[in-house]
Amino acid sequence: MSHDALRQLRALHWLPASSPLLSPPLLDWLLEEDSMTRRFEQHCHQVTVELIRESFITAGEIPAEAEFLPADARFWLREIVLCGDGEPWLIGRTVVPESTLNGPEQMLQNLGTRPLGRYLFSSSTLTRDFIDPGQIDGLWGRRSRLRLSGKPLLLTELFLPASPLYRSSEQG
C-alpha cells in the first residue's frame, strides 16, 4: 500500500486554489493552515505515525521538490503514514535541506513516530510560504513550504481513501 501511495504522492497534479474541481469543503481541508495532526484528532481517538523512511538523500533524488528549496547537497527525507485509530489516513513526505538542520531544527531528524505537526506547530517561529492543492487518481493532496526560524522545508501530503477529508467533502 505505502509504495503505491508514495508513487501517487510524487505524481500529484497541482491545481490553483481557484480550480472548479475544488469545492469549499475540500478547500477547507486542503488549505488548512494549522496542524493536520490536530485536525485529524477531531475525527478519532488517537493519531499515530508509521515510519516508512528517514534518511539523507541527494538533490538528484528530489528533482520536483528541489526547485522549492535551497541548492543544498543533501536533504533529510522523512516519509510516513499518519493513521487515525490505526487506519491509514495520510501519506506524508517531508524534505528538509541540510542547511535547515542546525540549532533547534536538528530535532527534525529525531521525530521517529512523533507527528511532524506536533513539533512544527509548537514553534513560535513557524511560517508558511504557500499551500498548493493537488489531485491524482481521485485522491487529494497538498504541498506546502514551511519555515522554521526562516529556514525552509517542503511537506507533501496525500489524503488516503479512509481520510475524513472525503467524508467531509461528500457532505458539501
N, C-alpha and C. Protein backbone atom coordinates (compact mmCIF):
# COMPACT_ATOMS: atom_id res chain seq x y z
N MET A 1 0.83 -1.19 0.00
CA MET A 1 0.00 0.00 0.00
C MET A 1 0.87 1.25 0.00
N SER A 2 1.86 1.31 0.87
CA SER A 2 2.62 2.55 1.02
C SER A 2 3.41 2.91 -0.24
N HIS A 3 3.91 1.89 -0.98
CA HIS A 3 4.68 2.20 -2.18
C HIS A 3 3.79 2.80 -3.26
N ASP A 4 2.60 2.24 -3.45
CA ASP A 4 1.66 2.82 -4.42
C ASP A 4 1.28 4.24 -4.02
N ALA A 5 0.98 4.43 -2.75
CA ALA A 5 0.58 5.74 -2.27
C ALA A 5 1.73 6.75 -2.40
N LEU A 6 2.95 6.32 -2.13
CA LEU A 6 4.10 7.22 -2.30
C LEU A 6 4.29 7.58 -3.77
N ARG A 7 4.08 6.64 -4.65
CA ARG A 7 4.18 6.91 -6.09
C ARG A 7 3.11 7.94 -6.49
N GLN A 8 1.89 7.77 -5.96
CA GLN A 8 0.82 8.73 -6.24
C GLN A 8 1.17 10.11 -5.68
N LEU A 9 1.69 10.14 -4.46
CA LEU A 9 2.07 11.41 -3.83
C LEU A 9 3.06 12.16 -4.71
N ARG A 10 4.07 11.44 -5.22
CA ARG A 10 5.10 12.09 -6.05
C ARG A 10 4.54 12.52 -7.41
N ALA A 11 3.39 11.96 -7.83
CA ALA A 11 2.83 12.27 -9.15
C ALA A 11 1.61 13.18 -9.07
N LEU A 12 1.36 13.79 -7.91
CA LEU A 12 0.20 14.69 -7.79
C LEU A 12 0.22 15.76 -8.87
N HIS A 13 -0.95 16.08 -9.39
CA HIS A 13 -1.11 17.17 -10.36
C HIS A 13 -1.56 18.40 -9.58
N TRP A 14 -0.78 19.46 -9.64
CA TRP A 14 -1.05 20.64 -8.83
C TRP A 14 -2.09 21.53 -9.51
N LEU A 15 -2.96 22.09 -8.68
CA LEU A 15 -4.07 22.91 -9.17
C LEU A 15 -4.05 24.27 -8.47
N PRO A 16 -4.54 25.30 -9.14
CA PRO A 16 -4.73 26.57 -8.42
C PRO A 16 -5.90 26.42 -7.45
N ALA A 17 -5.87 27.15 -6.36
CA ALA A 17 -6.96 27.08 -5.37
C ALA A 17 -8.29 27.52 -5.99
N SER A 18 -8.23 28.21 -7.13
CA SER A 18 -9.44 28.67 -7.80
C SER A 18 -10.03 27.60 -8.74
N SER A 19 -9.41 26.43 -8.82
CA SER A 19 -9.89 25.37 -9.73
C SER A 19 -11.33 25.00 -9.41
N PRO A 20 -12.19 24.84 -10.45
CA PRO A 20 -13.58 24.45 -10.20
C PRO A 20 -13.70 23.03 -9.62
N LEU A 21 -12.63 22.25 -9.66
CA LEU A 21 -12.64 20.91 -9.06
C LEU A 21 -12.65 20.96 -7.54
N LEU A 22 -12.28 22.11 -6.99
CA LEU A 22 -12.10 22.24 -5.54
C LEU A 22 -13.35 22.87 -4.90
N SER A 23 -14.14 22.04 -4.24
CA SER A 23 -15.33 22.52 -3.55
C SER A 23 -14.93 23.21 -2.24
N PRO A 24 -15.79 24.03 -1.67
CA PRO A 24 -15.46 24.66 -0.38
C PRO A 24 -15.09 23.65 0.71
N PRO A 25 -15.81 22.50 0.87
CA PRO A 25 -15.38 21.55 1.90
C PRO A 25 -13.98 20.97 1.63
N LEU A 26 -13.64 20.73 0.37
CA LEU A 26 -12.29 20.25 0.04
C LEU A 26 -11.25 21.31 0.37
N LEU A 27 -11.53 22.54 -0.06
CA LEU A 27 -10.58 23.63 0.21
C LEU A 27 -10.38 23.83 1.71
N ASP A 28 -11.44 23.63 2.48
CA ASP A 28 -11.34 23.77 3.93
C ASP A 28 -10.26 22.82 4.48
N TRP A 29 -10.19 21.63 3.93
CA TRP A 29 -9.16 20.66 4.35
C TRP A 29 -7.81 20.98 3.70
N LEU A 30 -7.80 21.16 2.40
CA LEU A 30 -6.54 21.28 1.67
C LEU A 30 -5.77 22.55 2.00
N LEU A 31 -6.48 23.62 2.35
CA LEU A 31 -5.81 24.88 2.68
C LEU A 31 -5.69 25.10 4.19
N GLU A 32 -5.89 24.03 4.96
CA GLU A 32 -5.76 24.10 6.44
C GLU A 32 -4.41 24.69 6.80
N GLU A 33 -4.43 25.78 7.56
CA GLU A 33 -3.19 26.45 7.96
C GLU A 33 -2.60 25.86 9.24
N ASP A 34 -3.44 25.25 10.05
CA ASP A 34 -3.00 24.68 11.32
C ASP A 34 -2.49 23.26 11.09
N SER A 35 -2.17 22.58 12.14
CA SER A 35 -1.64 21.22 12.09
C SER A 35 -2.70 20.23 11.59
N MET A 36 -2.34 19.44 10.57
CA MET A 36 -3.25 18.40 10.10
C MET A 36 -3.41 17.32 11.17
N THR A 37 -2.38 17.09 11.96
CA THR A 37 -2.50 16.14 13.07
C THR A 37 -3.62 16.59 14.01
N ARG A 38 -3.61 17.86 14.36
CA ARG A 38 -4.65 18.40 15.24
C ARG A 38 -6.03 18.27 14.60
N ARG A 39 -6.11 18.52 13.32
CA ARG A 39 -7.38 18.41 12.60
C ARG A 39 -7.88 16.95 12.62
N PHE A 40 -6.97 16.02 12.39
CA PHE A 40 -7.33 14.60 12.41
C PHE A 40 -7.80 14.18 13.81
N GLU A 41 -7.19 14.74 14.83
CA GLU A 41 -7.57 14.36 16.21
C GLU A 41 -9.02 14.69 16.52
N GLN A 42 -9.63 15.57 15.76
CA GLN A 42 -11.05 15.88 15.94
C GLN A 42 -11.95 14.78 15.39
N HIS A 43 -11.35 13.83 14.66
CA HIS A 43 -12.12 12.78 13.98
C HIS A 43 -11.79 11.37 14.47
N CYS A 44 -10.97 11.24 15.52
CA CYS A 44 -10.60 9.92 16.02
C CYS A 44 -10.13 10.04 17.47
N HIS A 45 -9.86 8.90 18.08
CA HIS A 45 -9.35 8.89 19.46
C HIS A 45 -7.84 9.08 19.51
N GLN A 46 -7.13 8.51 18.50
CA GLN A 46 -5.67 8.57 18.54
C GLN A 46 -5.09 8.67 17.14
N VAL A 47 -4.16 9.62 16.96
CA VAL A 47 -3.40 9.76 15.72
C VAL A 47 -2.01 9.16 15.97
N THR A 48 -1.60 8.25 15.08
CA THR A 48 -0.29 7.62 15.21
C THR A 48 0.47 7.73 13.89
N VAL A 49 1.77 7.54 13.97
CA VAL A 49 2.66 7.63 12.82
C VAL A 49 3.31 6.28 12.58
N GLU A 50 3.24 5.81 11.34
CA GLU A 50 4.03 4.65 10.91
C GLU A 50 5.15 5.19 10.03
N LEU A 51 6.37 4.95 10.44
CA LEU A 51 7.53 5.45 9.72
C LEU A 51 7.81 4.55 8.52
N ILE A 52 7.92 5.14 7.34
CA ILE A 52 8.28 4.39 6.14
C ILE A 52 9.78 4.52 5.89
N ARG A 53 10.27 5.77 5.95
CA ARG A 53 11.68 6.02 5.64
C ARG A 53 12.13 7.32 6.26
N GLU A 54 13.35 7.30 6.79
CA GLU A 54 14.02 8.50 7.28
C GLU A 54 15.49 8.37 6.90
N SER A 55 16.00 9.29 6.08
CA SER A 55 17.40 9.21 5.70
C SER A 55 17.81 10.46 4.94
N PHE A 56 19.13 10.63 4.81
CA PHE A 56 19.64 11.69 3.95
C PHE A 56 19.59 11.22 2.51
N ILE A 57 19.26 12.14 1.60
CA ILE A 57 19.24 11.87 0.17
C ILE A 57 19.93 13.03 -0.53
N THR A 58 20.20 12.87 -1.83
CA THR A 58 20.83 13.94 -2.60
C THR A 58 19.78 14.71 -3.38
N ALA A 59 20.15 15.87 -3.86
CA ALA A 59 19.24 16.71 -4.64
C ALA A 59 18.75 15.98 -5.88
N GLY A 60 19.57 15.10 -6.44
CA GLY A 60 19.19 14.35 -7.63
C GLY A 60 18.01 13.42 -7.39
N GLU A 61 17.75 13.09 -6.13
CA GLU A 61 16.63 12.19 -5.79
C GLU A 61 15.31 12.94 -5.61
N ILE A 62 15.36 14.26 -5.65
CA ILE A 62 14.14 15.06 -5.43
C ILE A 62 14.00 16.17 -6.47
N PRO A 63 14.07 15.84 -7.76
CA PRO A 63 14.06 16.92 -8.76
C PRO A 63 12.84 17.82 -8.68
N ALA A 64 11.66 17.27 -8.44
CA ALA A 64 10.44 18.09 -8.40
C ALA A 64 10.41 19.00 -7.17
N GLU A 65 10.96 18.52 -6.06
CA GLU A 65 10.92 19.31 -4.82
C GLU A 65 12.06 20.31 -4.72
N ALA A 66 13.19 19.99 -5.36
CA ALA A 66 14.40 20.81 -5.23
C ALA A 66 14.17 22.26 -5.65
N GLU A 67 13.28 22.48 -6.62
CA GLU A 67 13.06 23.86 -7.10
C GLU A 67 12.48 24.77 -6.02
N PHE A 68 11.91 24.19 -4.96
CA PHE A 68 11.30 24.98 -3.89
C PHE A 68 12.23 25.15 -2.68
N LEU A 69 13.45 24.60 -2.79
CA LEU A 69 14.36 24.58 -1.64
C LEU A 69 15.74 25.09 -2.03
N PRO A 70 16.56 25.47 -1.06
CA PRO A 70 17.93 25.90 -1.37
C PRO A 70 18.71 24.76 -2.04
N ALA A 71 19.74 25.13 -2.77
CA ALA A 71 20.53 24.15 -3.52
C ALA A 71 21.55 23.44 -2.63
N ASP A 72 21.10 22.77 -1.59
CA ASP A 72 21.98 22.01 -0.71
C ASP A 72 22.41 20.72 -1.41
N ALA A 73 23.50 20.12 -0.93
CA ALA A 73 23.96 18.85 -1.49
C ALA A 73 23.13 17.69 -0.94
N ARG A 74 22.69 17.82 0.33
CA ARG A 74 21.94 16.73 0.96
C ARG A 74 20.65 17.27 1.59
N PHE A 75 19.68 16.38 1.67
CA PHE A 75 18.38 16.71 2.25
C PHE A 75 17.95 15.58 3.15
N TRP A 76 17.28 15.92 4.25
CA TRP A 76 16.70 14.92 5.13
C TRP A 76 15.31 14.58 4.58
N LEU A 77 15.07 13.31 4.33
CA LEU A 77 13.79 12.85 3.82
C LEU A 77 13.09 12.03 4.90
N ARG A 78 11.82 12.34 5.11
CA ARG A 78 11.00 11.57 6.05
C ARG A 78 9.69 11.25 5.36
N GLU A 79 9.38 9.96 5.27
CA GLU A 79 8.12 9.52 4.68
C GLU A 79 7.37 8.71 5.72
N ILE A 80 6.09 9.06 5.91
CA ILE A 80 5.30 8.44 6.98
C ILE A 80 3.87 8.15 6.51
N VAL A 81 3.20 7.32 7.29
CA VAL A 81 1.76 7.16 7.16
C VAL A 81 1.17 7.69 8.46
N LEU A 82 0.23 8.61 8.36
CA LEU A 82 -0.47 9.14 9.53
C LEU A 82 -1.80 8.38 9.63
N CYS A 83 -2.03 7.77 10.78
CA CYS A 83 -3.22 6.93 10.96
C CYS A 83 -4.14 7.52 12.01
N GLY A 84 -5.43 7.37 11.78
CA GLY A 84 -6.44 7.72 12.76
C GLY A 84 -7.04 6.44 13.29
N ASP A 85 -6.88 6.20 14.59
CA ASP A 85 -7.36 4.95 15.21
C ASP A 85 -6.88 3.73 14.44
N GLY A 86 -5.61 3.76 14.00
CA GLY A 86 -5.00 2.63 13.33
C GLY A 86 -5.28 2.52 11.84
N GLU A 87 -6.12 3.39 11.30
CA GLU A 87 -6.46 3.34 9.87
C GLU A 87 -5.64 4.39 9.12
N PRO A 88 -4.95 4.00 8.04
CA PRO A 88 -4.14 4.97 7.28
C PRO A 88 -4.99 6.08 6.66
N TRP A 89 -4.69 7.33 7.04
CA TRP A 89 -5.43 8.48 6.56
C TRP A 89 -4.62 9.37 5.64
N LEU A 90 -3.28 9.35 5.78
CA LEU A 90 -2.47 10.31 5.03
C LEU A 90 -1.06 9.76 4.87
N ILE A 91 -0.50 9.95 3.69
CA ILE A 91 0.92 9.70 3.46
C ILE A 91 1.59 11.06 3.46
N GLY A 92 2.66 11.20 4.22
CA GLY A 92 3.39 12.46 4.28
C GLY A 92 4.83 12.29 3.87
N ARG A 93 5.34 13.29 3.16
CA ARG A 93 6.73 13.29 2.71
C ARG A 93 7.31 14.66 3.03
N THR A 94 8.31 14.68 3.88
CA THR A 94 8.95 15.92 4.29
C THR A 94 10.38 15.93 3.74
N VAL A 95 10.74 17.01 3.07
CA VAL A 95 12.10 17.17 2.54
C VAL A 95 12.69 18.41 3.22
N VAL A 96 13.80 18.20 3.92
CA VAL A 96 14.42 19.27 4.70
C VAL A 96 15.87 19.48 4.21
N PRO A 97 16.20 20.66 3.71
CA PRO A 97 17.59 20.92 3.32
C PRO A 97 18.51 20.75 4.52
N GLU A 98 19.70 20.23 4.27
CA GLU A 98 20.66 20.05 5.37
C GLU A 98 20.94 21.37 6.07
N SER A 99 20.92 22.48 5.32
CA SER A 99 21.19 23.80 5.92
C SER A 99 20.10 24.22 6.91
N THR A 100 18.93 23.61 6.84
CA THR A 100 17.85 23.90 7.80
C THR A 100 18.11 23.20 9.13
N LEU A 101 18.90 22.12 9.10
CA LEU A 101 19.07 21.25 10.26
C LEU A 101 20.18 21.72 11.20
N ASN A 102 20.12 22.98 11.62
CA ASN A 102 21.05 23.43 12.64
C ASN A 102 20.26 24.15 13.72
N GLY A 103 20.82 24.20 14.89
CA GLY A 103 20.07 24.77 16.02
C GLY A 103 18.93 23.84 16.41
N PRO A 104 17.82 24.40 16.91
CA PRO A 104 16.71 23.56 17.36
C PRO A 104 16.11 22.70 16.24
N GLU A 105 16.31 23.12 14.98
CA GLU A 105 15.71 22.40 13.85
C GLU A 105 16.36 21.03 13.63
N GLN A 106 17.49 20.74 14.33
CA GLN A 106 18.08 19.40 14.26
C GLN A 106 17.08 18.34 14.73
N MET A 107 16.12 18.75 15.55
CA MET A 107 15.09 17.83 16.05
C MET A 107 14.30 17.17 14.91
N LEU A 108 14.26 17.80 13.76
CA LEU A 108 13.53 17.23 12.62
C LEU A 108 14.07 15.86 12.23
N GLN A 109 15.33 15.58 12.57
CA GLN A 109 15.93 14.28 12.27
C GLN A 109 15.57 13.23 13.31
N ASN A 110 14.99 13.63 14.41
CA ASN A 110 14.77 12.71 15.52
C ASN A 110 13.30 12.57 15.89
N LEU A 111 12.40 12.79 14.95
CA LEU A 111 10.97 12.73 15.26
C LEU A 111 10.48 11.30 15.45
N GLY A 112 11.09 10.35 14.73
CA GLY A 112 10.66 8.96 14.85
C GLY A 112 9.17 8.84 14.56
N THR A 113 8.40 8.31 15.52
CA THR A 113 6.96 8.12 15.31
C THR A 113 6.14 9.29 15.87
N ARG A 114 6.80 10.39 16.16
CA ARG A 114 6.08 11.60 16.61
C ARG A 114 5.58 12.36 15.38
N PRO A 115 4.33 12.79 15.35
CA PRO A 115 3.84 13.54 14.20
C PRO A 115 4.61 14.84 14.00
N LEU A 116 4.93 15.14 12.75
CA LEU A 116 5.63 16.37 12.40
C LEU A 116 4.87 17.59 12.90
N GLY A 117 3.55 17.56 12.77
CA GLY A 117 2.73 18.69 13.20
C GLY A 117 2.91 19.04 14.67
N ARG A 118 3.11 18.02 15.51
CA ARG A 118 3.31 18.28 16.95
C ARG A 118 4.56 19.10 17.18
N TYR A 119 5.59 18.83 16.37
CA TYR A 119 6.83 19.59 16.50
C TYR A 119 6.69 20.98 15.85
N LEU A 120 6.25 21.00 14.60
CA LEU A 120 6.19 22.27 13.87
C LEU A 120 5.30 23.30 14.54
N PHE A 121 4.10 22.87 14.92
CA PHE A 121 3.12 23.84 15.40
C PHE A 121 3.29 24.18 16.88
N SER A 122 4.35 23.65 17.50
CA SER A 122 4.70 24.09 18.85
C SER A 122 5.75 25.19 18.79
N SER A 123 6.22 25.51 17.58
CA SER A 123 7.26 26.53 17.40
C SER A 123 6.64 27.89 17.11
N SER A 124 7.12 28.89 17.81
CA SER A 124 6.62 30.24 17.56
C SER A 124 7.26 30.84 16.32
N THR A 125 8.27 30.15 15.75
CA THR A 125 8.96 30.69 14.58
C THR A 125 8.43 30.10 13.27
N LEU A 126 7.34 29.34 13.31
CA LEU A 126 6.81 28.69 12.11
C LEU A 126 6.04 29.68 11.24
N THR A 127 6.40 29.70 9.95
CA THR A 127 5.63 30.44 8.95
C THR A 127 5.41 29.52 7.75
N ARG A 128 4.43 29.88 6.91
CA ARG A 128 4.12 29.08 5.72
C ARG A 128 4.16 30.00 4.51
N ASP A 129 4.89 29.58 3.48
CA ASP A 129 5.00 30.38 2.26
C ASP A 129 3.82 30.15 1.32
N PHE A 130 3.39 28.90 1.18
CA PHE A 130 2.28 28.59 0.27
C PHE A 130 1.72 27.21 0.56
N ILE A 131 0.51 26.97 0.08
CA ILE A 131 -0.11 25.65 0.04
C ILE A 131 -0.65 25.46 -1.37
N ASP A 132 -0.23 24.38 -2.03
CA ASP A 132 -0.75 24.04 -3.36
C ASP A 132 -1.61 22.79 -3.24
N PRO A 133 -2.89 22.85 -3.63
CA PRO A 133 -3.71 21.63 -3.67
C PRO A 133 -3.35 20.79 -4.90
N GLY A 134 -3.54 19.48 -4.78
CA GLY A 134 -3.25 18.59 -5.90
C GLY A 134 -4.20 17.42 -5.92
N GLN A 135 -4.20 16.72 -7.07
CA GLN A 135 -5.11 15.58 -7.24
C GLN A 135 -4.42 14.52 -8.10
N ILE A 136 -4.73 13.25 -7.79
CA ILE A 136 -4.31 12.13 -8.63
C ILE A 136 -5.22 10.94 -8.34
N ASP A 137 -5.68 10.30 -9.38
CA ASP A 137 -6.47 9.07 -9.25
C ASP A 137 -7.64 9.22 -8.28
N GLY A 138 -8.29 10.37 -8.28
CA GLY A 138 -9.43 10.59 -7.39
C GLY A 138 -9.06 10.89 -5.95
N LEU A 139 -7.76 10.98 -5.66
CA LEU A 139 -7.30 11.32 -4.31
C LEU A 139 -6.79 12.76 -4.31
N TRP A 140 -6.87 13.38 -3.15
CA TRP A 140 -6.44 14.77 -2.99
C TRP A 140 -5.17 14.85 -2.16
N GLY A 141 -4.40 15.88 -2.43
CA GLY A 141 -3.18 16.10 -1.67
C GLY A 141 -2.86 17.58 -1.63
N ARG A 142 -1.73 17.88 -1.02
CA ARG A 142 -1.28 19.27 -0.95
C ARG A 142 0.21 19.29 -0.70
N ARG A 143 0.84 20.39 -1.10
CA ARG A 143 2.25 20.61 -0.75
C ARG A 143 2.36 22.00 -0.17
N SER A 144 3.29 22.12 0.74
CA SER A 144 3.43 23.37 1.46
C SER A 144 4.89 23.59 1.81
N ARG A 145 5.36 24.82 1.58
CA ARG A 145 6.70 25.16 2.07
C ARG A 145 6.51 25.90 3.39
N LEU A 146 7.12 25.33 4.41
CA LEU A 146 7.08 25.91 5.74
C LEU A 146 8.48 26.41 6.09
N ARG A 147 8.54 27.31 7.05
CA ARG A 147 9.83 27.81 7.50
C ARG A 147 9.86 27.82 9.03
N LEU A 148 10.95 27.31 9.56
CA LEU A 148 11.23 27.39 10.99
C LEU A 148 12.40 28.35 11.16
N SER A 149 12.20 29.41 11.89
CA SER A 149 13.22 30.45 12.04
C SER A 149 13.72 30.91 10.67
N GLY A 150 12.82 30.97 9.70
CA GLY A 150 13.17 31.42 8.35
C GLY A 150 13.79 30.34 7.48
N LYS A 151 14.03 29.14 8.03
CA LYS A 151 14.69 28.06 7.28
C LYS A 151 13.62 27.12 6.69
N PRO A 152 13.71 26.82 5.37
CA PRO A 152 12.62 26.12 4.69
C PRO A 152 12.64 24.60 4.82
N LEU A 153 11.44 24.04 4.66
CA LEU A 153 11.25 22.61 4.45
C LEU A 153 10.00 22.46 3.61
N LEU A 154 9.91 21.36 2.88
CA LEU A 154 8.78 21.12 1.99
C LEU A 154 8.02 19.89 2.48
N LEU A 155 6.72 20.05 2.66
CA LEU A 155 5.86 18.97 3.12
C LEU A 155 4.82 18.68 2.05
N THR A 156 4.74 17.42 1.62
CA THR A 156 3.73 16.98 0.66
C THR A 156 2.89 15.91 1.34
N GLU A 157 1.57 16.04 1.20
CA GLU A 157 0.65 15.12 1.87
C GLU A 157 -0.37 14.61 0.87
N LEU A 158 -0.65 13.31 0.93
CA LEU A 158 -1.68 12.68 0.12
C LEU A 158 -2.72 12.08 1.06
N PHE A 159 -3.97 12.51 0.90
CA PHE A 159 -5.05 12.01 1.74
C PHE A 159 -5.53 10.67 1.20
N LEU A 160 -5.39 9.64 2.00
CA LEU A 160 -5.76 8.28 1.60
C LEU A 160 -7.28 8.10 1.65
N PRO A 161 -7.83 7.07 0.98
CA PRO A 161 -9.29 6.93 0.85
C PRO A 161 -10.07 6.95 2.17
N ALA A 162 -9.49 6.47 3.26
CA ALA A 162 -10.22 6.43 4.54
C ALA A 162 -10.20 7.77 5.28
N SER A 163 -9.46 8.75 4.76
CA SER A 163 -9.31 10.04 5.43
C SER A 163 -10.66 10.75 5.62
N PRO A 164 -10.83 11.44 6.76
CA PRO A 164 -12.06 12.19 6.98
C PRO A 164 -12.28 13.32 5.98
N LEU A 165 -11.25 13.73 5.25
CA LEU A 165 -11.42 14.73 4.20
C LEU A 165 -12.51 14.30 3.23
N TYR A 166 -12.54 13.01 2.88
CA TYR A 166 -13.51 12.53 1.89
C TYR A 166 -14.92 12.47 2.47
N ARG A 167 -15.04 12.18 3.73
CA ARG A 167 -16.38 12.20 4.37
C ARG A 167 -16.91 13.62 4.43
N SER A 168 -16.04 14.56 4.76
CA SER A 168 -16.45 15.97 4.85
C SER A 168 -16.83 16.53 3.49
N SER A 169 -16.06 16.18 2.46
CA SER A 169 -16.33 16.75 1.13
C SER A 169 -17.59 16.15 0.51
N GLU A 170 -17.98 14.93 0.92
CA GLU A 170 -19.23 14.35 0.42
C GLU A 170 -20.45 15.11 0.95
N GLN A 171 -20.30 15.67 2.15
CA GLN A 171 -21.42 16.40 2.77
C GLN A 171 -21.59 17.78 2.14
N GLY A 172 -20.54 18.27 1.45
CA GLY A 172 -20.58 19.62 0.91
C GLY A 172 -21.22 19.68 -0.35
